[in-house]
Protein backbone atom coordinates (compact mmCIF):
# COMPACT_ATOMS: atom_id res chain seq x y z
CA GLY A 1 15.26 -13.51 -8.67
CA GLU A 2 17.20 -11.46 -6.92
CA THR A 3 19.50 -14.55 -5.13
CA LEU A 4 20.02 -16.38 -8.48
CA PRO A 5 20.79 -14.38 -12.11
CA LEU A 6 17.48 -14.00 -12.73
CA ARG A 7 16.90 -10.45 -12.43
CA PRO A 8 13.67 -9.94 -15.27
CA LEU A 9 12.13 -12.86 -12.72
CA HIS A 10 12.16 -9.96 -9.61
CA TYR A 11 10.90 -7.02 -12.23
CA VAL A 12 8.23 -9.13 -12.92
CA ALA A 13 7.04 -10.83 -9.40
CA LYS A 14 8.04 -7.71 -6.77
CA PRO A 15 5.35 -5.67 -8.29
CA LEU A 16 3.15 -8.18 -9.84
CA ILE A 17 1.98 -8.68 -5.43
CA MET A 18 0.65 -4.82 -5.62
CA VAL A 19 -1.16 -5.36 -8.65
CA LEU A 20 -3.08 -8.24 -8.03
CA LEU A 21 -3.58 -6.65 -4.57
CA LEU A 22 -5.00 -3.82 -6.22
CA TRP A 23 -6.78 -5.79 -8.54
CA TRP A 24 -8.26 -7.97 -5.52
CA ALA A 25 -9.52 -4.97 -3.93
CA TRP A 26 -10.54 -2.91 -6.86
CA PRO A 27 -14.31 -4.19 -7.04
CA SER A 28 -15.17 -2.37 -3.45
CA ARG A 29 -14.20 0.42 -4.41
CA ASP A 30 -17.55 2.31 -3.42
CA ARG A 31 -17.10 1.16 0.15
CA PRO A 32 -15.79 4.17 2.70
CA GLY A 33 -12.02 4.81 2.96
CA HIS A 34 -11.45 2.42 -0.24
CA GLY A 35 -10.45 4.39 -2.43
CA TRP A 36 -7.77 6.04 -0.51
CA LEU A 37 -6.58 2.01 0.32
CA LEU A 38 -6.50 1.45 -3.58
CA ALA A 39 -4.49 5.09 -3.71
CA GLY A 40 -2.21 3.82 -0.95
CA ALA A 41 -1.56 0.90 -2.48
CA VAL A 42 -0.38 3.00 -5.74
CA PHE A 43 1.63 4.45 -3.59
CA ALA A 44 3.52 0.85 -2.43
CA LEU A 45 4.04 0.03 -6.06
CA ALA A 46 5.24 2.77 -6.63
CA GLY A 47 7.60 2.70 -3.47
CA ASP A 48 8.29 -1.29 -4.15
CA THR A 49 9.20 -0.09 -8.18
CA PHE A 50 11.20 2.84 -7.22
CA LEU A 51 13.77 1.10 -4.36
CA MET A 52 14.03 -1.97 -6.67
CA LEU A 53 15.40 -0.38 -9.84
CA GLN A 54 19.44 -0.48 -7.92
CA GLU A 55 20.46 1.11 -11.61
CA TRP A 56 19.43 4.53 -10.51
CA ASP A 57 19.86 6.40 -6.90
CA LEU A 58 15.60 6.38 -6.74
CA PHE A 59 15.60 5.88 -2.97
CA VAL A 60 13.97 9.51 -1.73
CA PRO A 61 11.50 8.74 -4.17
CA GLY A 62 10.53 5.12 -3.08
CA LEU A 63 10.65 6.52 0.19
CA LEU A 64 8.83 9.86 -0.05
CA SER A 65 5.88 6.86 -2.03
CA PHE A 66 5.63 4.68 1.53
CA LEU A 67 4.89 8.04 3.19
CA ALA A 68 2.34 8.78 1.09
CA MET A 69 0.73 4.89 0.89
CA GLN A 70 0.83 5.39 5.07
CA VAL A 71 -0.85 8.58 4.65
CA CYS A 72 -3.66 6.90 2.43
CA TYR A 73 -3.82 4.18 4.30
CA VAL A 74 -4.31 6.08 7.76
CA VAL A 75 -7.31 8.92 6.01
CA ALA A 76 -8.56 5.25 4.68
CA PHE A 77 -8.80 4.06 8.40
CA ARG A 78 -10.40 7.07 9.41
CA GLN A 79 -12.93 7.48 6.87
CA SER A 80 -14.08 3.45 7.36
CA GLN A 81 -13.82 4.01 10.72
CA ARG A 82 -16.20 6.91 10.94
CA ALA A 83 -18.91 5.55 8.24
CA SER A 84 -18.52 2.23 11.22
CA GLY A 85 -20.20 4.52 13.73
CA ARG A 86 -17.85 3.42 16.45
CA ALA A 87 -16.25 5.65 17.83
CA LEU A 88 -12.25 5.56 18.18
CA SER A 89 -10.69 5.46 21.78
CA PHE A 90 -7.80 3.88 23.46
CA ALA A 91 -9.61 3.59 26.76
CA GLU A 92 -11.86 -0.03 25.74
CA GLN A 93 -10.58 -2.66 26.68
CA ALA A 94 -8.37 -5.07 24.18
CA PRO A 95 -10.26 -8.18 24.11
CA TRP A 96 -7.18 -10.23 25.17
């Protein structure tokens, strides 16, 4: 959609990826960390949308959305890790 003269296709397809991921992840929202995971996906959708709209200068809001997404994903990872009862240790040997 972006390389061909089909801008409306680009405006639909790019956000649709994150919308479908949100729809797929929604049923597991009661698991530890998944609320933050869903919030991160919403920020990712916002960031994609901000950067997609080239008619306006929305680079900074897009960048801030991706920063918020990363923070949400870190919190989600930590909550999920704590709920599993396993300590996060960099001293553990990797399986490879």
